[in-house]
């Protein structure tokens, strides 16, 4: 894989993570109300693995935001 291909792959992964973070923020806001900026920032800076874990907790019925990302 060339350097350009590696950079492109990293960019795609970052874009995908941002999209997932945005979706998770939207879903949490719909269910629990407006999120504070600290929570939003934590989600936006999360890895793809963290977002996947938090999304699973949300779908499994976490009772509040703290149980999702805690």
Protein backbone atom coordinates (compact mmCIF):
# COMPACT_ATOMS: atom_id res chain seq x y z
CA UNK A 1 0.00 0.00 0.00
CA UNK A 2 1.41 3.37 -0.97
CA UNK A 3 1.69 6.31 1.39
CA UNK A 4 -1.09 8.07 -0.48
CA UNK A 5 -3.35 5.03 -0.08
CA UNK A 6 -2.54 4.85 3.62
CA UNK A 7 -3.41 8.52 4.08
CA UNK A 8 -6.62 8.07 2.13
CA UNK A 9 -7.59 5.07 4.27
CA UNK A 10 -6.93 7.03 7.48
CA UNK A 11 -9.02 9.91 6.19
CA UNK A 12 -11.87 7.58 5.33
CA UNK A 13 -11.71 5.97 8.78
CA UNK A 14 -11.77 9.37 10.48
CA UNK A 15 -14.72 10.45 8.36
CA UNK A 16 -16.61 7.29 9.20
CA UNK A 17 -15.90 7.74 12.93
CA UNK A 18 -17.13 11.35 12.77
CA UNK A 19 -20.31 10.22 11.05
CA UNK A 20 -20.94 7.55 13.65
CA UNK A 21 -20.22 10.03 16.45
CA UNK A 22 -22.71 12.48 14.97
CA UNK A 23 -25.36 9.80 14.70
CA UNK A 24 -24.80 8.68 18.29
CA UNK A 25 -25.05 12.28 19.52
CA UNK A 26 -28.31 12.70 17.59
CA UNK A 27 -29.80 9.49 18.99
CA UNK A 28 -28.77 10.28 22.56
CA UNK A 29 -30.17 13.80 22.25
CA UNK A 30 -33.49 12.50 20.96
CA UNK A 31 -33.86 10.04 23.80
CA UNK A 32 -32.32 11.92 26.73
CA UNK A 33 -32.53 15.59 25.72
CA UNK A 34 -29.82 18.08 24.83
CA UNK A 35 -26.33 16.80 25.69
CA UNK A 36 -23.83 19.05 27.40
CA UNK A 37 -20.72 20.11 25.52
CA UNK A 38 -18.42 17.86 27.56
CA UNK A 39 -20.37 14.75 26.56
CA UNK A 40 -20.51 15.83 22.91
CA UNK A 41 -16.76 16.47 22.87
CA UNK A 42 -16.05 13.08 24.44
CA UNK A 43 -18.12 11.34 21.78
CA UNK A 44 -16.57 13.37 18.95
CA UNK A 45 -13.06 12.43 20.13
CA UNK A 46 -13.85 8.75 20.65
CA UNK A 47 -12.36 5.91 18.69
CA UNK A 48 -14.51 3.80 16.38
CA UNK A 49 -14.34 0.97 18.92
CA UNK A 50 -15.65 3.23 21.71
CA UNK A 51 -18.49 4.49 19.52
CA UNK A 52 -19.42 0.91 18.65
CA UNK A 53 -19.43 -0.05 22.34
CA UNK A 54 -21.53 2.97 23.31
CA UNK A 55 -23.95 2.42 20.44
CA UNK A 56 -24.49 -1.16 21.61
CA UNK A 57 -25.21 0.04 25.15
CA UNK A 58 -27.70 2.56 23.79
CA UNK A 59 -29.51 -0.06 21.73
CA UNK A 60 -29.56 -2.45 24.68
CA UNK A 61 -31.56 0.12 26.64
CA UNK A 62 -29.13 2.06 28.81
CA UNK A 63 -31.28 4.21 31.13
CA UNK A 64 -29.26 7.41 30.72
CA UNK A 65 -26.24 8.95 28.99
CA UNK A 66 -23.92 8.04 31.87
CA UNK A 67 -24.72 4.36 31.36
CA UNK A 68 -24.02 4.69 27.64
CA UNK A 69 -20.60 6.30 27.80
CA UNK A 70 -19.72 5.70 31.46
